[in-house]
Amino acid sequence: MTITVHYFGLLAERRRLTEERVETIAATAAELYSKLDADHHLGLEIRDFRVAVNDEFVAWDYLLQENDSVALLPPMSGG
């Protein structure tokens, strides 16, 4: 299936992208991130940030569907 992945913060810096379309067989958001991390060495554990699908925060076991939009949101700092 095809998924749009949006990277923010440290993940965008490490991936050197803010958005990409990916072909995946990942069933869940966690599996998708695991594959992206293995391919691109993103270096964060899923417990360290949140995931949103189609503009709503979801659990990492969320079942992905064709054309979902997945946002990977690491902690933000600042004041």
PDB file of N, CA and C in Angstrom:
ATOM      1  N   MET A   1       0.841  -1.176   0.000  1.00  0.00           N
ATOM      2  CA  MET A   1       0.000   0.000   0.000  1.00  0.00           C
ATOM      3  C   MET A   1       0.887   1.241   0.000  1.00  0.00           C
ATOM      4  N   THR A   2       0.323   2.357  -0.395  1.00  0.00           N
ATOM      5  CA  THR A   2       1.058   3.620  -0.427  1.00  0.00           C
ATOM      6  C   THR A   2       0.603   4.491   0.734  1.00  0.00           C
ATOM      7  N   ILE A   3       1.585   5.020   1.461  1.00  0.00           N
ATOM      8  CA  ILE A   3       1.355   5.862   2.635  1.00  0.00           C
ATOM      9  C   ILE A   3       2.152   7.151   2.450  1.00  0.00           C
ATOM     10  N   THR A   4       1.608   8.274   2.882  1.00  0.00           N
ATOM     11  CA  THR A   4       2.382   9.510   2.941  1.00  0.00           C
ATOM     12  C   THR A   4       2.903   9.656   4.362  1.00  0.00           C
ATOM     13  N   VAL A   5       4.214   9.845   4.480  1.00  0.00           N
ATOM     14  CA  VAL A   5       4.846  10.011   5.787  1.00  0.00           C
ATOM     15  C   VAL A   5       5.311  11.455   5.909  1.00  0.00           C
ATOM     16  N   HIS A   6       4.950  12.090   7.021  1.00  0.00           N
ATOM     17  CA  HIS A   6       5.368  13.458   7.323  1.00  0.00           C
ATOM     18  C   HIS A   6       6.334  13.393   8.504  1.00  0.00           C
ATOM     19  N   TYR A   7       7.512  13.966   8.328  1.00  0.00           N
ATOM     20  CA  TYR A   7       8.536  13.982   9.373  1.00  0.00           C
ATOM     21  C   TYR A   7       8.609  15.381   9.982  1.00  0.00           C
ATOM     22  N   PHE A   8       8.776  15.440  11.296  1.00  0.00           N
ATOM     23  CA  PHE A   8       8.887  16.713  11.999  1.00  0.00           C
ATOM     24  C   PHE A   8      10.107  16.704  12.903  1.00  0.00           C
ATOM     25  N   GLY A   9      10.602  17.901  13.217  1.00  0.00           N
ATOM     26  CA  GLY A   9      11.676  18.060  14.189  1.00  0.00           C
ATOM     27  C   GLY A   9      12.911  17.251  13.849  1.00  0.00           C
ATOM     28  N   LEU A  10      13.427  16.567  14.865  1.00  0.00           N
ATOM     29  CA  LEU A  10      14.650  15.782  14.733  1.00  0.00           C
ATOM     30  C   LEU A  10      14.525  14.714  13.647  1.00  0.00           C
ATOM     31  N   LEU A  11      13.359  14.128  13.505  1.00  0.00           N
ATOM     32  CA  LEU A  11      13.177  13.107  12.468  1.00  0.00           C
ATOM     33  C   LEU A  11      13.316  13.708  11.070  1.00  0.00           C
ATOM     34  N   ALA A  12      12.795  14.903  10.857  1.00  0.00           N
ATOM     35  CA  ALA A  12      12.949  15.577   9.564  1.00  0.00           C
ATOM     36  C   ALA A  12      14.416  15.892   9.299  1.00  0.00           C
ATOM     37  N   GLU A  13      15.133  16.311  10.333  1.00  0.00           N
ATOM     38  CA  GLU A  13      16.561  16.585  10.171  1.00  0.00           C
ATOM     39  C   GLU A  13      17.319  15.322   9.797  1.00  0.00           C
ATOM     40  N   ARG A  14      17.037  14.242  10.488  1.00  0.00           N
ATOM     41  CA  ARG A  14      17.752  12.987  10.227  1.00  0.00           C
ATOM     42  C   ARG A  14      17.383  12.384   8.875  1.00  0.00           C
ATOM     43  N   ARG A  15      16.135  12.508   8.472  1.00  0.00           N
ATOM     44  CA  ARG A  15      15.688  11.954   7.191  1.00  0.00           C
ATOM     45  C   ARG A  15      16.029  12.880   6.039  1.00  0.00           C
ATOM     46  N   ARG A  16      16.254  14.149   6.359  1.00  0.00           N
ATOM     47  CA  ARG A  16      16.525  15.189   5.362  1.00  0.00           C
ATOM     48  C   ARG A  16      15.349  15.364   4.392  1.00  0.00           C
ATOM     49  N   LEU A  17      14.168  15.128   4.952  1.00  0.00           N
ATOM     50  CA  LEU A  17      12.906  15.306   4.227  1.00  0.00           C
ATOM     51  C   LEU A  17      11.845  15.725   5.226  1.00  0.00           C
ATOM     52  N   THR A  18      10.816  16.365   4.743  1.00  0.00           N
ATOM     53  CA  THR A  18       9.662  16.614   5.604  1.00  0.00           C
ATOM     54  C   THR A  18       8.472  15.747   5.207  1.00  0.00           C
ATOM     55  N   GLU A  19       8.508  15.205   3.998  1.00  0.00           N
ATOM     56  CA  GLU A  19       7.390  14.390   3.523  1.00  0.00           C
ATOM     57  C   GLU A  19       7.862  13.465   2.418  1.00  0.00           C
ATOM     58  N   GLU A  20       7.283  12.257   2.387  1.00  0.00           N
ATOM     59  CA  GLU A  20       7.532  11.343   1.279  1.00  0.00           C
ATOM     60  C   GLU A  20       6.393  10.342   1.171  1.00  0.00           C
ATOM     61  N   ARG A  21       6.208   9.815  -0.022  1.00  0.00           N
ATOM     62  CA  ARG A  21       5.261   8.721  -0.260  1.00  0.00           C
ATOM     63  C   ARG A  21       6.072   7.439  -0.233  1.00  0.00           C
ATOM     64  N   VAL A  22       5.591   6.449   0.505  1.00  0.00           N
ATOM     65  CA  VAL A  22       6.301   5.179   0.594  1.00  0.00           C
ATOM     66  C   VAL A  22       5.359   4.024   0.269  1.00  0.00           C
ATOM     67  N   GLU A  23       5.911   3.023  -0.374  1.00  0.00           N
ATOM     68  CA  GLU A  23       5.222   1.751  -0.576  1.00  0.00           C
ATOM     69  C   GLU A  23       5.608   0.873   0.597  1.00  0.00           C
ATOM     70  N   THR A  24       4.633   0.253   1.239  1.00  0.00           N
ATOM     71  CA  THR A  24       4.928  -0.548   2.422  1.00  0.00           C
ATOM     72  C   THR A  24       3.986  -1.736   2.530  1.00  0.00           C
ATOM     73  N   ILE A  25       4.471  -2.756   3.225  1.00  0.00           N
ATOM     74  CA  ILE A  25       3.614  -3.882   3.596  1.00  0.00           C
ATOM     75  C   ILE A  25       3.329  -3.844   5.093  1.00  0.00           C
ATOM     76  N   ALA A  26       3.789  -2.778   5.762  1.00  0.00           N
ATOM     77  CA  ALA A  26       3.579  -2.636   7.207  1.00  0.00           C
ATOM     78  C   ALA A  26       2.087  -2.611   7.515  1.00  0.00           C
ATOM     79  N   ALA A  27       1.701  -3.373   8.519  1.00  0.00           N
ATOM     80  CA  ALA A  27       0.295  -3.412   8.912  1.00  0.00           C
ATOM     81  C   ALA A  27      -0.046  -2.312   9.907  1.00  0.00           C
ATOM     82  N   THR A  28       0.929  -1.935  10.746  1.00  0.00           N
ATOM     83  CA  THR A  28       0.676  -0.961  11.809  1.00  0.00           C
ATOM     84  C   THR A  28       1.633   0.221  11.698  1.00  0.00           C
ATOM     85  N   ALA A  29       1.295   1.277  12.424  1.00  0.00           N
ATOM     86  CA  ALA A  29       2.176   2.441  12.479  1.00  0.00           C
ATOM     87  C   ALA A  29       3.542   2.051  13.046  1.00  0.00           C
ATOM     88  N   ALA A  30       3.568   1.176  14.045  1.00  0.00           N
ATOM     89  CA  ALA A  30       4.836   0.727  14.635  1.00  0.00           C
ATOM     90  C   ALA A  30       5.686  -0.014  13.613  1.00  0.00           C
ATOM     91  N   GLU A  31       5.082  -0.888  12.832  1.00  0.00           N
ATOM     92  CA  GLU A  31       5.827  -1.618  11.805  1.00  0.00           C
ATOM     93  C   GLU A  31       6.367  -0.663  10.743  1.00  0.00           C
ATOM     94  N   LEU A  32       5.574   0.331  10.382  1.00  0.00           N
ATOM     95  CA  LEU A  32       6.026   1.321   9.407  1.00  0.00           C
ATOM     96  C   LEU A  32       7.248   2.055   9.934  1.00  0.00           C
ATOM     97  N   TYR A  33       7.178   2.551  11.173  1.00  0.00           N
ATOM     98  CA  TYR A  33       8.328   3.271  11.721  1.00  0.00           C
ATOM     99  C   TYR A  33       9.543   2.355  11.832  1.00  0.00           C
ATOM    100  N   SER A  34       9.350   1.121  12.240  1.00  0.00           N
ATOM    101  CA  SER A  34      10.461   0.180  12.363  1.00  0.00           C
ATOM    102  C   SER A  34      11.188   0.017  11.031  1.00  0.00           C
ATOM    103  N   LYS A  35      10.429  -0.097   9.950  1.00  0.00           N
ATOM    104  CA  LYS A  35      11.027  -0.223   8.617  1.00  0.00           C
ATOM    105  C   LYS A  35      11.732   1.063   8.212  1.00  0.00           C
ATOM    106  N   LEU A  36      11.110   2.210   8.461  1.00  0.00           N
ATOM    107  CA  LEU A  36      11.746   3.488   8.128  1.00  0.00           C
ATOM    108  C   LEU A  36      13.038   3.672   8.914  1.00  0.00           C
ATOM    109  N   ASP A  37      13.017   3.308  10.190  1.00  0.00           N
ATOM    110  CA  ASP A  37      14.207   3.416  11.033  1.00  0.00           C
ATOM    111  C   ASP A  37      15.307   2.489  10.528  1.00  0.00           C
ATOM    112  N   ALA A  38      14.961   1.266  10.172  1.00  0.00           N
ATOM    113  CA  ALA A  38      15.949   0.317   9.657  1.00  0.00           C
ATOM    114  C   ALA A  38      16.567   0.820   8.348  1.00  0.00           C
ATOM    115  N   ASP A  39      15.758   1.418   7.496  1.00  0.00           N
ATOM    116  CA  ASP A  39      16.245   1.896   6.198  1.00  0.00           C
ATOM    117  C   ASP A  39      17.031   3.193   6.288  1.00  0.00           C
ATOM    118  N   HIS A  40      16.671   4.068   7.234  1.00  0.00           N
ATOM    119  CA  HIS A  40      17.222   5.428   7.240  1.00  0.00           C
ATOM    120  C   HIS A  40      17.895   5.826   8.547  1.00  0.00           C
ATOM    121  N   HIS A  41      18.007   4.902   9.485  1.00  0.00           N
ATOM    122  CA  HIS A  41      18.708   5.145  10.758  1.00  0.00           C
ATOM    123  C   HIS A  41      18.195   6.403  11.461  1.00  0.00           C
ATOM    124  N   LEU A  42      16.901   6.450  11.702  1.00  0.00           N
ATOM    125  CA  LEU A  42      16.292   7.621  12.331  1.00  0.00           C
ATOM    126  C   LEU A  42      16.648   7.732  13.806  1.00  0.00           C
ATOM    127  N   GLY A  43      16.833   6.611  14.473  1.00  0.00           N
ATOM    128  CA  GLY A  43      17.444   6.597  15.791  1.00  0.00           C
ATOM    129  C   GLY A  43      16.596   6.967  16.990  1.00  0.00           C
ATOM    130  N   LEU A  44      15.283   7.013  16.864  1.00  0.00           N
ATOM    131  CA  LEU A  44      14.434   7.251  18.030  1.00  0.00           C
ATOM    132  C   LEU A  44      13.597   6.009  18.292  1.00  0.00           C
ATOM    133  N   GLU A  45      13.328   5.751  19.555  1.00  0.00           N
ATOM    134  CA  GLU A  45      12.431   4.663  19.937  1.00  0.00           C
ATOM    135  C   GLU A  45      10.993   5.180  19.882  1.00  0.00           C
ATOM    136  N   ILE A  46      10.051   4.322  19.537  1.00  0.00           N
ATOM    137  CA  ILE A  46       8.667   4.795  19.400  1.00  0.00           C
ATOM    138  C   ILE A  46       8.098   5.320  20.709  1.00  0.00           C
ATOM    139  N   ARG A  47       8.652   4.908  21.828  1.00  0.00           N
ATOM    140  CA  ARG A  47       8.167   5.428  23.117  1.00  0.00           C
ATOM    141  C   ARG A  47       8.549   6.903  23.306  1.00  0.00           C
ATOM    142  N   ASP A  48       9.466   7.408  22.458  1.00  0.00           N
ATOM    143  CA  ASP A  48       9.978   8.768  22.600  1.00  0.00           C
ATOM    144  C   ASP A  48       9.208   9.811  21.796  1.00  0.00           C
ATOM    145  N   PHE A  49       8.212   9.396  21.020  1.00  0.00           N
ATOM    146  CA  PHE A  49       7.452  10.375  20.242  1.00  0.00           C
ATOM    147  C   PHE A  49       6.072   9.824  19.919  1.00  0.00           C
ATOM    148  N   ARG A  50       5.266  10.642  19.254  1.00  0.00           N
ATOM    149  CA  ARG A  50       3.876  10.282  18.970  1.00  0.00           C
ATOM    150  C   ARG A  50       3.669  10.117  17.471  1.00  0.00           C
ATOM    151  N   VAL A  51       2.592   9.448  17.163  1.00  0.00           N
ATOM    152  CA  VAL A  51       2.215   9.253  15.770  1.00  0.00           C
ATOM    153  C   VAL A  51       0.770   9.715  15.585  1.00  0.00           C
ATOM    154  N   ALA A  52       0.531  10.357  14.462  1.00  0.00           N
ATOM    155  CA  ALA A  52      -0.825  10.747  14.084  1.00  0.00           C
ATOM    156  C   ALA A  52      -1.100  10.176  12.696  1.00  0.00           C
ATOM    157  N   VAL A  53      -2.322   9.744  12.486  1.00  0.00           N
ATOM    158  CA  VAL A  53      -2.741   9.253  11.177  1.00  0.00           C
ATOM    159  C   VAL A  53      -3.976  10.038  10.771  1.00  0.00           C
ATOM    160  N   ASN A  54      -3.884  10.616   9.585  1.00  0.00           N
ATOM    161  CA  ASN A  54      -4.992  11.428   9.055  1.00  0.00           C
ATOM    162  C   ASN A  54      -5.413  12.504  10.059  1.00  0.00           C
ATOM    163  N   ASP A  55      -4.398  13.168  10.630  1.00  0.00           N
ATOM    164  CA  ASP A  55      -4.566  14.317  11.530  1.00  0.00           C
ATOM    165  C   ASP A  55      -5.151  13.983  12.895  1.00  0.00           C
ATOM    166  N   GLU A  56      -5.074  12.724  13.315  1.00  0.00           N
ATOM    167  CA  GLU A  56      -5.524  12.341  14.656  1.00  0.00           C
ATOM    168  C   GLU A  56      -4.456  11.490  15.322  1.00  0.00           C
ATOM    169  N   PHE A  57      -4.149  11.798  16.593  1.00  0.00           N
ATOM    170  CA  PHE A  57      -3.206  10.963  17.327  1.00  0.00           C
ATOM    171  C   PHE A  57      -3.783   9.559  17.455  1.00  0.00           C
ATOM    172  N   VAL A  58      -2.920   8.563  17.245  1.00  0.00           N
ATOM    173  CA  VAL A  58      -3.341   7.162  17.326  1.00  0.00           C
ATOM    174  C   VAL A  58      -2.306   6.375  18.120  1.00  0.00           C
ATOM    175  N   ALA A  59      -2.677   5.178  18.521  1.00  0.00           N
ATOM    176  CA  ALA A  59      -1.736   4.260  19.166  1.00  0.00           C
ATOM    177  C   ALA A  59      -0.839   3.648  18.090  1.00  0.00           C
ATOM    178  N   TRP A  60       0.324   3.175  18.531  1.00  0.00           N
ATOM    179  CA  TRP A  60       1.278   2.583  17.593  1.00  0.00           C
ATOM    180  C   TRP A  60       0.745   1.307  16.942  1.00  0.00           C
ATOM    181  N   ASP A  61      -0.280   0.679  17.513  1.00  0.00           N
ATOM    182  CA  ASP A  61      -0.840  -0.531  16.908  1.00  0.00           C
ATOM    183  C   ASP A  61      -1.976  -0.214  15.918  1.00  0.00           C
ATOM    184  N   TYR A  62      -2.137   1.055  15.590  1.00  0.00           N
ATOM    185  CA  TYR A  62      -3.136   1.476  14.612  1.00  0.00           C
ATOM    186  C   TYR A  62      -2.906   0.735  13.296  1.00  0.00           C
ATOM    187  N   LEU A  63      -3.967   0.188  12.719  1.00  0.00           N
ATOM    188  CA  LEU A  63      -3.867  -0.531  11.446  1.00  0.00           C
ATOM    189  C   LEU A  63      -3.920   0.452  10.279  1.00  0.00           C
ATOM    190  N   LEU A  64      -2.856   0.462   9.508  1.00  0.00           N
ATOM    191  CA  LEU A  64      -2.748   1.382   8.382  1.00  0.00           C
ATOM    192  C   LEU A  64      -3.640   0.947   7.226  1.00  0.00           C
ATOM    193  N   GLN A  65      -4.040   1.952   6.435  1.00  0.00           N
ATOM    194  CA  GLN A  65      -4.848   1.709   5.246  1.00  0.00           C
ATOM    195  C   GLN A  65      -4.241   2.466   4.076  1.00  0.00           C
ATOM    196  N   GLU A  66      -4.557   2.022   2.885  1.00  0.00           N
ATOM    197  CA  GLU A  66      -4.092   2.671   1.662  1.00  0.00           C
ATOM    198  C   GLU A  66      -4.351   4.175   1.728  1.00  0.00           C
ATOM    199  N   ASN A  67      -3.342   4.952   1.340  1.00  0.00           N
ATOM    200  CA  ASN A  67      -3.402   6.416   1.257  1.00  0.00           C
ATOM    201  C   ASN A  67      -3.493   7.129   2.596  1.00  0.00           C
ATOM    202  N   ASP A  68      -3.219   6.432   3.706  1.00  0.00           N
ATOM    203  CA  ASP A  68      -3.149   7.126   4.994  1.00  0.00           C
ATOM    204  C   ASP A  68      -2.031   8.162   4.966  1.00  0.00           C
ATOM    205  N   SER A  69      -2.195   9.174   5.784  1.00  0.00           N
ATOM    206  CA  SER A  69      -1.185  10.204   5.996  1.00  0.00           C
ATOM    207  C   SER A  69      -0.679  10.054   7.430  1.00  0.00           C
ATOM    208  N   VAL A  70       0.602   9.690   7.574  1.00  0.00           N
ATOM    209  CA  VAL A  70       1.192   9.386   8.875  1.00  0.00           C
ATOM    210  C   VAL A  70       2.171  10.493   9.249  1.00  0.00           C
ATOM    211  N   ALA A  71       1.953  11.108  10.407  1.00  0.00           N
ATOM    212  CA  ALA A  71       2.853  12.147  10.914  1.00  0.00           C
ATOM    213  C   ALA A  71       3.640  11.591  12.093  1.00  0.00           C
ATOM    214  N   LEU A  72       4.963  11.708  12.020  1.00  0.00           N
ATOM    215  CA  LEU A  72       5.855  11.265  13.092  1.00  0.00           C
ATOM    216  C   LEU A  72       6.304  12.504  13.849  1.00  0.00           C
ATOM    217  N   LEU A  73       5.900  12.596  15.122  1.00  0.00           N
ATOM    218  CA  LEU A  73       6.031  13.825  15.901  1.00  0.00           C
ATOM    219  C   LEU A  73       6.913  13.620  17.127  1.00  0.00           C
ATOM    220  N   PRO A  74       8.212  13.927  17.004  1.00  0.00           N
ATOM    221  CA  PRO A  74       9.097  13.813  18.165  1.00  0.00           C
ATOM    222  C   PRO A  74       8.815  14.939  19.148  1.00  0.00           C
ATOM    223  N   PRO A  75       9.346  14.819  20.373  1.00  0.00           N
ATOM    224  CA  PRO A  75       9.130  15.883  21.357  1.00  0.00           C
ATOM    225  C   PRO A  75       9.676  17.213  20.843  1.00  0.00           C
ATOM    226  N   MET A  76       8.958  18.258  21.137  1.00  0.00           N
ATOM    227  CA  MET A  76       9.396  19.609  20.767  1.00  0.00           C
ATOM    228  C   MET A  76       9.964  20.292  22.001  1.00  0.00           C
ATOM    229  N   SER A  77      10.949  21.124  21.781  1.00  0.00           N
ATOM    230  CA  SER A  77      11.487  21.902  22.894  1.00  0.00           C
ATOM    231  C   SER A  77      11.322  23.373  22.570  1.00  0.00           C
ATOM    232  N   GLY A  78      11.488  24.177  23.562  1.00  0.00           N
ATOM    233  CA  GLY A  78      11.365  25.611  23.356  1.00  0.00           C
ATOM    234  C   GLY A  78      10.516  26.227  24.440  1.00  0.00           C
ATOM    235  N   GLY A  79      10.258  27.496  24.295  1.00  0.00           N
ATOM    236  CA  GLY A  79       9.510  28.157  25.344  1.00  0.00           C
ATOM    237  C   GLY A  79       8.630  29.234  24.863  1.00  0.00           C
TER     238      GLY A  79
END
